Amino acid sequence: MSTRYDEMNCHAQCQRCNQYGAGEQYKHGKMIDALHGEGHADYL
């Protein structure tokens, strides 16, 4: 719940990646760092 409504934690994602690919968490984290700066995925 502490990150459920965090805008930095959530992005548009296709159903294949989100639902069937377990959210592609590693790739998602890499993209968060690319968008918001290194370390933001660890922060989340």
ModelCIF file with pLDDT and N, C-alpha, C, O atoms, coordinates in Angstrom:
data_MODEL
#
_entry.id   MODEL 
#
_entity.id                         1 
_entity.type                       polymer 
_entity.pdbx_number_of_molecules   1 
#
_entity_poly.entity_id                      1 
_entity_poly.type                           'polypeptide(L)' 
_entity_poly.nstd_linkage                   no 
_entity_poly.nstd_monomer                   no 
_entity_poly.pdbx_seq_one_letter_code       MSTRYDEMNCHAQCQRCNQYGAGEQYKHGKMIDALHGEGHADYL 
_entity_poly.pdbx_seq_one_letter_code_can   MSTRYDEMNCHAQCQRCNQYGAGEQYKHGKMIDALHGEGHADYL 
_entity_poly.pdbx_strand_id                 A 
#
loop_
_entity_poly_seq.entity_id 
_entity_poly_seq.num 
_entity_poly_seq.mon_id 
_entity_poly_seq.hetero 
1 1  MET n 
1 2  SER n 
1 3  THR n 
1 4  ARG n 
1 5  TYR n 
1 6  ASP n 
1 7  GLU n 
1 8  MET n 
1 9  ASN n 
1 10 CYS n 
1 11 HIS n 
1 12 ALA n 
1 13 GLN n 
1 14 CYS n 
1 15 GLN n 
1 16 ARG n 
1 17 CYS n 
1 18 ASN n 
1 19 GLN n 
1 20 TYR n 
1 21 GLY n 
1 22 ALA n 
1 23 GLY n 
1 24 GLU n 
1 25 GLN n 
1 26 TYR n 
1 27 LYS n 
1 28 HIS n 
1 29 GLY n 
1 30 LYS n 
1 31 MET n 
1 32 ILE n 
1 33 ASP n 
1 34 ALA n 
1 35 LEU n 
1 36 HIS n 
1 37 GLY n 
1 38 GLU n 
1 39 GLY n 
1 40 HIS n 
1 41 ALA n 
1 42 ASP n 
1 43 TYR n 
1 44 LEU n 
#
_struct_asym.id          A 
_struct_asym.entity_id   1 
#
loop_
_ma_qa_metric.id 
_ma_qa_metric.mode 
_ma_qa_metric.name 
_ma_qa_metric.software_group_id 
_ma_qa_metric.type 
1 global pLDDT . pLDDT 
2 local  pLDDT . pLDDT 
#
_ma_qa_metric_global.metric_id      1 
_ma_qa_metric_global.metric_value   95.07 
_ma_qa_metric_global.model_id       1 
_ma_qa_metric_global.ordinal_id     1 
#
loop_
_ma_qa_metric_local.label_asym_id 
_ma_qa_metric_local.label_comp_id 
_ma_qa_metric_local.label_seq_id 
_ma_qa_metric_local.metric_id 
_ma_qa_metric_local.metric_value 
_ma_qa_metric_local.model_id 
_ma_qa_metric_local.ordinal_id 
A MET 1  2 98.00 1 1  
A SER 2  2 98.00 1 2  
A THR 3  2 98.00 1 3  
A ARG 4  2 98.00 1 4  
A TYR 5  2 98.00 1 5  
A ASP 6  2 98.00 1 6  
A GLU 7  2 97.00 1 7  
A MET 8  2 97.00 1 8  
A ASN 9  2 98.00 1 9  
A CYS 10 2 98.00 1 10 
A HIS 11 2 98.00 1 11 
A ALA 12 2 98.00 1 12 
A GLN 13 2 97.00 1 13 
A CYS 14 2 97.00 1 14 
A GLN 15 2 95.00 1 15 
A ARG 16 2 95.00 1 16 
A CYS 17 2 95.00 1 17 
A ASN 18 2 95.00 1 18 
A GLN 19 2 88.00 1 19 
A TYR 20 2 84.00 1 20 
A GLY 21 2 81.00 1 21 
A ALA 22 2 82.00 1 22 
A GLY 23 2 77.00 1 23 
A GLU 24 2 91.00 1 24 
A GLN 25 2 94.00 1 25 
A TYR 26 2 95.00 1 26 
A LYS 27 2 96.00 1 27 
A HIS 28 2 97.00 1 28 
A GLY 29 2 97.00 1 29 
A LYS 30 2 97.00 1 30 
A MET 31 2 96.00 1 31 
A ILE 32 2 97.00 1 32 
A ASP 33 2 98.00 1 33 
A ALA 34 2 97.00 1 34 
A LEU 35 2 95.00 1 35 
A HIS 36 2 94.00 1 36 
A GLY 37 2 96.00 1 37 
A GLU 38 2 97.00 1 38 
A GLY 39 2 97.00 1 39 
A HIS 40 2 97.00 1 40 
A ALA 41 2 98.00 1 41 
A ASP 42 2 98.00 1 42 
A TYR 43 2 98.00 1 43 
A LEU 44 2 98.00 1 44 
#
loop_
_atom_site.group_PDB 
_atom_site.id 
_atom_site.type_symbol 
_atom_site.label_atom_id 
_atom_site.label_alt_id 
_atom_site.label_comp_id 
_atom_site.label_asym_id 
_atom_site.label_entity_id 
_atom_site.label_seq_id 
_atom_site.pdbx_PDB_ins_code 
_atom_site.Cartn_x 
_atom_site.Cartn_y 
_atom_site.Cartn_z 
_atom_site.occupancy 
_atom_site.B_iso_or_equiv 
_atom_site.pdbx_formal_charge 
_atom_site.auth_seq_id 
_atom_site.auth_comp_id 
_atom_site.auth_asym_id 
_atom_site.auth_atom_id 
_atom_site.pdbx_PDB_model_num 
ATOM 1   N N  . MET A 1 1  ? 0.808  -1.222  0.000   1.00 98.00 ? 1  MET A N  1 
ATOM 2   C CA . MET A 1 1  ? 0.000  0.000   0.000   1.00 98.00 ? 1  MET A CA 1 
ATOM 3   C C  . MET A 1 1  ? 0.845  1.277   0.000   1.00 98.00 ? 1  MET A C  1 
ATOM 4   O O  . MET A 1 1  ? 0.394  2.313   -0.489  1.00 98.00 ? 1  MET A O  1 
ATOM 5   N N  . SER A 1 2  ? 2.054  1.215   0.539   1.00 98.00 ? 2  SER A N  1 
ATOM 6   C CA . SER A 1 2  ? 2.863  2.431   0.611   1.00 98.00 ? 2  SER A CA 1 
ATOM 7   C C  . SER A 1 2  ? 3.344  2.903   -0.758  1.00 98.00 ? 2  SER A C  1 
ATOM 8   O O  . SER A 1 2  ? 3.714  4.068   -0.906  1.00 98.00 ? 2  SER A O  1 
ATOM 9   N N  . THR A 1 3  ? 3.346  2.023   -1.765  1.00 98.00 ? 3  THR A N  1 
ATOM 10  C CA . THR A 1 3  ? 3.732  2.438   -3.117  1.00 98.00 ? 3  THR A CA 1 
ATOM 11  C C  . THR A 1 3  ? 2.618  2.181   -4.139  1.00 98.00 ? 3  THR A C  1 
ATOM 12  O O  . THR A 1 3  ? 2.812  2.410   -5.333  1.00 98.00 ? 3  THR A O  1 
ATOM 13  N N  . ARG A 1 4  ? 1.492  1.724   -3.693  1.00 98.00 ? 4  ARG A N  1 
ATOM 14  C CA . ARG A 1 4  ? 0.386  1.389   -4.604  1.00 98.00 ? 4  ARG A CA 1 
ATOM 15  C C  . ARG A 1 4  ? -0.023 2.580   -5.463  1.00 98.00 ? 4  ARG A C  1 
ATOM 16  O O  . ARG A 1 4  ? -0.305 2.410   -6.649  1.00 98.00 ? 4  ARG A O  1 
ATOM 17  N N  . TYR A 1 5  ? -0.061 3.773   -4.892  1.00 98.00 ? 5  TYR A N  1 
ATOM 18  C CA . TYR A 1 5  ? -0.499 4.958   -5.622  1.00 98.00 ? 5  TYR A CA 1 
ATOM 19  C C  . TYR A 1 5  ? 0.661  5.927   -5.898  1.00 98.00 ? 5  TYR A C  1 
ATOM 20  O O  . TYR A 1 5  ? 0.443  7.115   -6.135  1.00 98.00 ? 5  TYR A O  1 
ATOM 21  N N  . ASP A 1 6  ? 1.863  5.417   -5.865  1.00 98.00 ? 6  ASP A N  1 
ATOM 22  C CA . ASP A 1 6  ? 3.052  6.216   -6.175  1.00 98.00 ? 6  ASP A CA 1 
ATOM 23  C C  . ASP A 1 6  ? 3.203  6.282   -7.694  1.00 98.00 ? 6  ASP A C  1 
ATOM 24  O O  . ASP A 1 6  ? 3.381  5.251   -8.342  1.00 98.00 ? 6  ASP A O  1 
ATOM 25  N N  . GLU A 1 7  ? 3.134  7.474   -8.260  1.00 97.00 ? 7  GLU A N  1 
ATOM 26  C CA . GLU A 1 7  ? 3.180  7.647   -9.709  1.00 97.00 ? 7  GLU A CA 1 
ATOM 27  C C  . GLU A 1 7  ? 4.492  7.176   -10.323 1.00 97.00 ? 7  GLU A C  1 
ATOM 28  O O  . GLU A 1 7  ? 4.518  6.767   -11.483 1.00 97.00 ? 7  GLU A O  1 
ATOM 29  N N  . MET A 1 8  ? 5.571  7.228   -9.569  1.00 97.00 ? 8  MET A N  1 
ATOM 30  C CA . MET A 1 8  ? 6.857  6.775   -10.074 1.00 97.00 ? 8  MET A CA 1 
ATOM 31  C C  . MET A 1 8  ? 6.906  5.242   -10.136 1.00 97.00 ? 8  MET A C  1 
ATOM 32  O O  . MET A 1 8  ? 7.714  4.683   -10.877 1.00 97.00 ? 8  MET A O  1 
ATOM 33  N N  . ASN A 1 9  ? 6.067  4.574   -9.380  1.00 98.00 ? 9  ASN A N  1 
ATOM 34  C CA . ASN A 1 9  ? 6.035  3.116   -9.291  1.00 98.00 ? 9  ASN A CA 1 
ATOM 35  C C  . ASN A 1 9  ? 5.188  2.479   -10.394 1.00 98.00 ? 9  ASN A C  1 
ATOM 36  O O  . ASN A 1 9  ? 5.184  1.255   -10.530 1.00 98.00 ? 9  ASN A O  1 
ATOM 37  N N  . CYS A 1 10 ? 4.487  3.265   -11.163 1.00 98.00 ? 10 CYS A N  1 
ATOM 38  C CA . CYS A 1 10 ? 3.497  2.730   -12.089 1.00 98.00 ? 10 CYS A CA 1 
ATOM 39  C C  . CYS A 1 10 ? 3.603  3.389   -13.461 1.00 98.00 ? 10 CYS A C  1 
ATOM 40  O O  . CYS A 1 10 ? 3.744  4.606   -13.573 1.00 98.00 ? 10 CYS A O  1 
ATOM 41  N N  . HIS A 1 11 ? 3.532  2.555   -14.509 1.00 98.00 ? 11 HIS A N  1 
ATOM 42  C CA . HIS A 1 11 ? 3.651  3.040   -15.882 1.00 98.00 ? 11 HIS A CA 1 
ATOM 43  C C  . HIS A 1 11 ? 2.763  2.210   -16.799 1.00 98.00 ? 11 HIS A C  1 
ATOM 44  O O  . HIS A 1 11 ? 2.373  1.091   -16.465 1.00 98.00 ? 11 HIS A O  1 
ATOM 45  N N  . ALA A 1 12 ? 2.448  2.782   -17.971 1.00 98.00 ? 12 ALA A N  1 
ATOM 46  C CA . ALA A 1 12 ? 1.686  2.026   -18.971 1.00 98.00 ? 12 ALA A CA 1 
ATOM 47  C C  . ALA A 1 12 ? 2.481  0.789   -19.355 1.00 98.00 ? 12 ALA A C  1 
ATOM 48  O O  . ALA A 1 12 ? 3.678  0.856   -19.634 1.00 98.00 ? 12 ALA A O  1 
ATOM 49  N N  . GLN A 1 13 ? 1.794  -0.329  -19.362 1.00 97.00 ? 13 GLN A N  1 
ATOM 50  C CA . GLN A 1 13 ? 2.444  -1.599  -19.663 1.00 97.00 ? 13 GLN A CA 1 
ATOM 51  C C  . GLN A 1 13 ? 1.450  -2.491  -20.406 1.00 97.00 ? 13 GLN A C  1 
ATOM 52  O O  . GLN A 1 13 ? 0.264  -2.524  -20.079 1.00 97.00 ? 13 GLN A O  1 
ATOM 53  N N  . CYS A 1 14 ? 1.949  -3.210  -21.406 1.00 97.00 ? 14 CYS A N  1 
ATOM 54  C CA . CYS A 1 14 ? 1.063  -4.114  -22.148 1.00 97.00 ? 14 CYS A CA 1 
ATOM 55  C C  . CYS A 1 14 ? 0.660  -5.286  -21.236 1.00 97.00 ? 14 CYS A C  1 
ATOM 56  O O  . CYS A 1 14 ? 1.343  -5.606  -20.263 1.00 97.00 ? 14 CYS A O  1 
ATOM 57  N N  . GLN A 1 15 ? -0.453 -5.900  -21.581 1.00 95.00 ? 15 GLN A N  1 
ATOM 58  C CA . GLN A 1 15 ? -0.944 -7.013  -20.765 1.00 95.00 ? 15 GLN A CA 1 
ATOM 59  C C  . GLN A 1 15 ? 0.014  -8.195  -20.781 1.00 95.00 ? 15 GLN A C  1 
ATOM 60  O O  . GLN A 1 15 ? 0.138  -8.909  -19.786 1.00 95.00 ? 15 GLN A O  1 
ATOM 61  N N  . ARG A 1 16 ? 0.686  -8.403  -21.899 1.00 95.00 ? 16 ARG A N  1 
ATOM 62  C CA . ARG A 1 16 ? 1.630  -9.529  -21.973 1.00 95.00 ? 16 ARG A CA 1 
ATOM 63  C C  . ARG A 1 16 ? 2.723  -9.374  -20.926 1.00 95.00 ? 16 ARG A C  1 
ATOM 64  O O  . ARG A 1 16 ? 3.036  -10.324 -20.209 1.00 95.00 ? 16 ARG A O  1 
ATOM 65  N N  . CYS A 1 17 ? 3.304  -8.188  -20.834 1.00 95.00 ? 17 CYS A N  1 
ATOM 66  C CA . CYS A 1 17 ? 4.361  -7.968  -19.832 1.00 95.00 ? 17 CYS A CA 1 
ATOM 67  C C  . CYS A 1 17 ? 3.803  -7.936  -18.412 1.00 95.00 ? 17 CYS A C  1 
ATOM 68  O O  . CYS A 1 17 ? 4.360  -8.558  -17.508 1.00 95.00 ? 17 CYS A O  1 
ATOM 69  N N  . ASN A 1 18 ? 2.701  -7.208  -18.219 1.00 95.00 ? 18 ASN A N  1 
ATOM 70  C CA . ASN A 1 18 ? 2.177  -7.003  -16.874 1.00 95.00 ? 18 ASN A CA 1 
ATOM 71  C C  . ASN A 1 18 ? 1.536  -8.251  -16.290 1.00 95.00 ? 18 ASN A C  1 
ATOM 72  O O  . ASN A 1 18 ? 1.840  -8.641  -15.162 1.00 95.00 ? 18 ASN A O  1 
ATOM 73  N N  . GLN A 1 19 ? 0.652  -8.877  -17.052 1.00 88.00 ? 19 GLN A N  1 
ATOM 74  C CA . GLN A 1 19 ? -0.117 -9.988  -16.506 1.00 88.00 ? 19 GLN A CA 1 
ATOM 75  C C  . GLN A 1 19 ? 0.554  -11.345 -16.698 1.00 88.00 ? 19 GLN A C  1 
ATOM 76  O O  . GLN A 1 19 ? 0.512  -12.199 -15.812 1.00 88.00 ? 19 GLN A O  1 
ATOM 77  N N  . TYR A 1 20 ? 1.165  -11.533 -17.852 1.00 84.00 ? 20 TYR A N  1 
ATOM 78  C CA . TYR A 1 20 ? 1.722  -12.856 -18.159 1.00 84.00 ? 20 TYR A CA 1 
ATOM 79  C C  . TYR A 1 20 ? 3.231  -12.912 -17.964 1.00 84.00 ? 20 TYR A C  1 
ATOM 80  O O  . TYR A 1 20 ? 3.813  -13.996 -17.912 1.00 84.00 ? 20 TYR A O  1 
ATOM 81  N N  . GLY A 1 21 ? 3.863  -11.754 -17.858 1.00 81.00 ? 21 GLY A N  1 
ATOM 82  C CA . GLY A 1 21 ? 5.309  -11.706 -17.663 1.00 81.00 ? 21 GLY A CA 1 
ATOM 83  C C  . GLY A 1 21 ? 5.693  -11.233 -16.278 1.00 81.00 ? 21 GLY A C  1 
ATOM 84  O O  . GLY A 1 21 ? 6.807  -10.751 -16.073 1.00 81.00 ? 21 GLY A O  1 
ATOM 85  N N  . ALA A 1 22 ? 4.778  -11.365 -15.316 1.00 82.00 ? 22 ALA A N  1 
ATOM 86  C CA . ALA A 1 22 ? 5.022  -10.971 -13.915 1.00 82.00 ? 22 ALA A CA 1 
ATOM 87  C C  . ALA A 1 22 ? 5.487  -9.527  -13.810 1.00 82.00 ? 22 ALA A C  1 
ATOM 88  O O  . ALA A 1 22 ? 6.251  -9.179  -12.910 1.00 82.00 ? 22 ALA A O  1 
ATOM 89  N N  . GLY A 1 23 ? 5.022  -8.683  -14.735 1.00 77.00 ? 23 GLY A N  1 
ATOM 90  C CA . GLY A 1 23 ? 5.356  -7.264  -14.688 1.00 77.00 ? 23 GLY A CA 1 
ATOM 91  C C  . GLY A 1 23 ? 6.742  -6.938  -15.205 1.00 77.00 ? 23 GLY A C  1 
ATOM 92  O O  . GLY A 1 23 ? 7.149  -5.777  -15.199 1.00 77.00 ? 23 GLY A O  1 
ATOM 93  N N  . GLU A 1 24 ? 7.482  -7.965  -15.660 1.00 91.00 ? 24 GLU A N  1 
ATOM 94  C CA . GLU A 1 24 ? 8.856  -7.734  -16.144 1.00 91.00 ? 24 GLU A CA 1 
ATOM 95  C C  . GLU A 1 24 ? 9.583  -6.803  -15.166 1.00 91.00 ? 24 GLU A C  1 
ATOM 96  O O  . GLU A 1 24 ? 10.143 -5.778  -15.555 1.00 91.00 ? 24 GLU A O  1 
ATOM 97  N N  . GLN A 1 25 ? 9.554  -7.188  -13.898 1.00 94.00 ? 25 GLN A N  1 
ATOM 98  C CA . GLN A 1 25 ? 10.023 -6.311  -12.821 1.00 94.00 ? 25 GLN A CA 1 
ATOM 99  C C  . GLN A 1 25 ? 11.454 -5.810  -13.023 1.00 94.00 ? 25 GLN A C  1 
ATOM 100 O O  . GLN A 1 25 ? 11.730 -4.635  -12.785 1.00 94.00 ? 25 GLN A O  1 
ATOM 101 N N  . TYR A 1 26 ? 12.354 -6.669  -13.451 1.00 95.00 ? 26 TYR A N  1 
ATOM 102 C CA . TYR A 1 26 ? 13.740 -6.232  -13.634 1.00 95.00 ? 26 TYR A CA 1 
ATOM 103 C C  . TYR A 1 26 ? 13.824 -5.128  -14.690 1.00 95.00 ? 26 TYR A C  1 
ATOM 104 O O  . TYR A 1 26 ? 14.450 -4.093  -14.460 1.00 95.00 ? 26 TYR A O  1 
ATOM 105 N N  . LYS A 1 27 ? 13.192 -5.351  -15.850 1.00 96.00 ? 27 LYS A N  1 
ATOM 106 C CA . LYS A 1 27 ? 13.192 -4.342  -16.910 1.00 96.00 ? 27 LYS A CA 1 
ATOM 107 C C  . LYS A 1 27 ? 12.504 -3.066  -16.445 1.00 96.00 ? 27 LYS A C  1 
ATOM 108 O O  . LYS A 1 27 ? 12.962 -1.960  -16.733 1.00 96.00 ? 27 LYS A O  1 
ATOM 109 N N  . HIS A 1 28 ? 11.400 -3.229  -15.722 1.00 97.00 ? 28 HIS A N  1 
ATOM 110 C CA . HIS A 1 28 ? 10.648 -2.079  -15.221 1.00 97.00 ? 28 HIS A CA 1 
ATOM 111 C C  . HIS A 1 28 ? 11.543 -1.238  -14.296 1.00 97.00 ? 28 HIS A C  1 
ATOM 112 O O  . HIS A 1 28 ? 11.574 -0.011  -14.396 1.00 97.00 ? 28 HIS A O  1 
ATOM 113 N N  . GLY A 1 29 ? 12.258 -1.905  -13.410 1.00 97.00 ? 29 GLY A N  1 
ATOM 114 C CA . GLY A 1 29 ? 13.166 -1.200  -12.504 1.00 97.00 ? 29 GLY A CA 1 
ATOM 115 C C  . GLY A 1 29 ? 14.254 -0.453  -13.247 1.00 97.00 ? 29 GLY A C  1 
ATOM 116 O O  . GLY A 1 29 ? 14.587 0.676   -12.887 1.00 97.00 ? 29 GLY A O  1 
ATOM 117 N N  . LYS A 1 30 ? 14.812 -1.066  -14.280 1.00 97.00 ? 30 LYS A N  1 
ATOM 118 C CA . LYS A 1 30 ? 15.839 -0.404  -15.098 1.00 97.00 ? 30 LYS A CA 1 
ATOM 119 C C  . LYS A 1 30 ? 15.274 0.852   -15.760 1.00 97.00 ? 30 LYS A C  1 
ATOM 120 O O  . LYS A 1 30 ? 15.942 1.885   -15.817 1.00 97.00 ? 30 LYS A O  1 
ATOM 121 N N  . MET A 1 31 ? 14.045 0.756   -16.259 1.00 96.00 ? 31 MET A N  1 
ATOM 122 C CA . MET A 1 31 ? 13.424 1.908   -16.910 1.00 96.00 ? 31 MET A CA 1 
ATOM 123 C C  . MET A 1 31 ? 13.084 3.016   -15.899 1.00 96.00 ? 31 MET A C  1 
ATOM 124 O O  . MET A 1 31 ? 13.167 4.199   -16.226 1.00 96.00 ? 31 MET A O  1 
ATOM 125 N N  . ILE A 1 32 ? 12.712 2.639   -14.697 1.00 97.00 ? 32 ILE A N  1 
ATOM 126 C CA . ILE A 1 32 ? 12.456 3.648   -13.659 1.00 97.00 ? 32 ILE A CA 1 
ATOM 127 C C  . ILE A 1 32 ? 13.742 4.433   -13.386 1.00 97.00 ? 32 ILE A C  1 
ATOM 128 O O  . ILE A 1 32 ? 13.718 5.659   -13.288 1.00 97.00 ? 32 ILE A O  1 
ATOM 129 N N  . ASP A 1 33 ? 14.857 3.720   -13.265 1.00 98.00 ? 33 ASP A N  1 
ATOM 130 C CA . ASP A 1 33 ? 16.139 4.401   -13.052 1.00 98.00 ? 33 ASP A CA 1 
ATOM 131 C C  . ASP A 1 33 ? 16.502 5.281   -14.245 1.00 98.00 ? 33 ASP A C  1 
ATOM 132 O O  . ASP A 1 33 ? 17.051 6.369   -14.065 1.00 98.00 ? 33 ASP A O  1 
ATOM 133 N N  . ALA A 1 34 ? 16.205 4.827   -15.452 1.00 97.00 ? 34 ALA A N  1 
ATOM 134 C CA . ALA A 1 34 ? 16.499 5.623   -16.647 1.00 97.00 ? 34 ALA A CA 1 
ATOM 135 C C  . ALA A 1 34 ? 15.635 6.883   -16.699 1.00 97.00 ? 34 ALA A C  1 
ATOM 136 O O  . ALA A 1 34 ? 16.109 7.944   -17.103 1.00 97.00 ? 34 ALA A O  1 
ATOM 137 N N  . LEU A 1 35 ? 14.371 6.769   -16.292 1.00 95.00 ? 35 LEU A N  1 
ATOM 138 C CA . LEU A 1 35 ? 13.451 7.905   -16.330 1.00 95.00 ? 35 LEU A CA 1 
ATOM 139 C C  . LEU A 1 35 ? 13.659 8.892   -15.185 1.00 95.00 ? 35 LEU A C  1 
ATOM 140 O O  . LEU A 1 35 ? 13.604 10.105  -15.386 1.00 95.00 ? 35 LEU A O  1 
ATOM 141 N N  . HIS A 1 36 ? 13.894 8.373   -13.995 1.00 94.00 ? 36 HIS A N  1 
ATOM 142 C CA . HIS A 1 36 ? 13.887 9.211   -12.793 1.00 94.00 ? 36 HIS A CA 1 
ATOM 143 C C  . HIS A 1 36 ? 15.252 9.369   -12.135 1.00 94.00 ? 36 HIS A C  1 
ATOM 144 O O  . HIS A 1 36 ? 15.401 10.152  -11.196 1.00 94.00 ? 36 HIS A O  1 
ATOM 145 N N  . GLY A 1 37 ? 16.242 8.636   -12.618 1.00 96.00 ? 37 GLY A N  1 
ATOM 146 C CA . GLY A 1 37 ? 17.575 8.725   -12.039 1.00 96.00 ? 37 GLY A CA 1 
ATOM 147 C C  . GLY A 1 37 ? 17.960 7.443   -11.307 1.00 96.00 ? 37 GLY A C  1 
ATOM 148 O O  . GLY A 1 37 ? 17.121 6.758   -10.723 1.00 96.00 ? 37 GLY A O  1 
ATOM 149 N N  . GLU A 1 38 ? 19.232 7.148   -11.357 1.00 97.00 ? 38 GLU A N  1 
ATOM 150 C CA . GLU A 1 38 ? 19.773 5.942   -10.731 1.00 97.00 ? 38 GLU A CA 1 
ATOM 151 C C  . GLU A 1 38 ? 19.380 5.869   -9.255  1.00 97.00 ? 38 GLU A C  1 
ATOM 152 O O  . GLU A 1 38 ? 19.478 6.855   -8.525  1.00 97.00 ? 38 GLU A O  1 
ATOM 153 N N  . GLY A 1 39 ? 18.940 4.704   -8.837  1.00 97.00 ? 39 GLY A N  1 
ATOM 154 C CA . GLY A 1 39 ? 18.596 4.483   -7.437  1.00 97.00 ? 39 GLY A CA 1 
ATOM 155 C C  . GLY A 1 39 ? 17.118 4.602   -7.113  1.00 97.00 ? 39 GLY A C  1 
ATOM 156 O O  . GLY A 1 39 ? 16.699 4.269   -6.004  1.00 97.00 ? 39 GLY A O  1 
ATOM 157 N N  . HIS A 1 40 ? 16.317 5.075   -8.069  1.00 97.00 ? 40 HIS A N  1 
ATOM 158 C CA . HIS A 1 40 ? 14.892 5.237   -7.778  1.00 97.00 ? 40 HIS A CA 1 
ATOM 159 C C  . HIS A 1 40 ? 14.168 3.896   -7.622  1.00 97.00 ? 40 HIS A C  1 
ATOM 160 O O  . HIS A 1 40 ? 13.240 3.788   -6.820  1.00 97.00 ? 40 HIS A O  1 
ATOM 161 N N  . ALA A 1 41 ? 14.574 2.891   -8.367  1.00 98.00 ? 41 ALA A N  1 
ATOM 162 C CA . ALA A 1 41 ? 13.957 1.566   -8.207  1.00 98.00 ? 41 ALA A CA 1 
ATOM 163 C C  . ALA A 1 41 ? 14.259 1.006   -6.815  1.00 98.00 ? 41 ALA A C  1 
ATOM 164 O O  . ALA A 1 41 ? 13.381 0.439   -6.165  1.00 98.00 ? 41 ALA A O  1 
ATOM 165 N N  . ASP A 1 42 ? 15.505 1.168   -6.362  1.00 98.00 ? 42 ASP A N  1 
ATOM 166 C CA . ASP A 1 42 ? 15.856 0.731   -5.002  1.00 98.00 ? 42 ASP A CA 1 
ATOM 167 C C  . ASP A 1 42 ? 15.050 1.488   -3.960  1.00 98.00 ? 42 ASP A C  1 
ATOM 168 O O  . ASP A 1 42 ? 14.588 0.908   -2.978  1.00 98.00 ? 42 ASP A O  1 
ATOM 169 N N  . TYR A 1 43 ? 14.883 2.786   -4.180  1.00 98.00 ? 43 TYR A N  1 
ATOM 170 C CA . TYR A 1 43 ? 14.084 3.611   -3.275  1.00 98.00 ? 43 TYR A CA 1 
ATOM 171 C C  . TYR A 1 43 ? 12.654 3.074   -3.182  1.00 98.00 ? 43 TYR A C  1 
ATOM 172 O O  . TYR A 1 43 ? 12.112 2.930   -2.086  1.00 98.00 ? 43 TYR A O  1 
ATOM 173 N N  . LEU A 1 44 ? 12.043 2.776   -4.340  1.00 98.00 ? 44 LEU A N  1 
ATOM 174 C CA . LEU A 1 44 ? 10.667 2.254   -4.342  1.00 98.00 ? 44 LEU A CA 1 
ATOM 175 C C  . LEU A 1 44 ? 10.577 0.912   -3.634  1.00 98.00 ? 44 LEU A C  1 
ATOM 176 O O  . LEU A 1 44 ? 9.494  0.333   -3.545  1.00 98.00 ? 44 LEU A O  1 
#
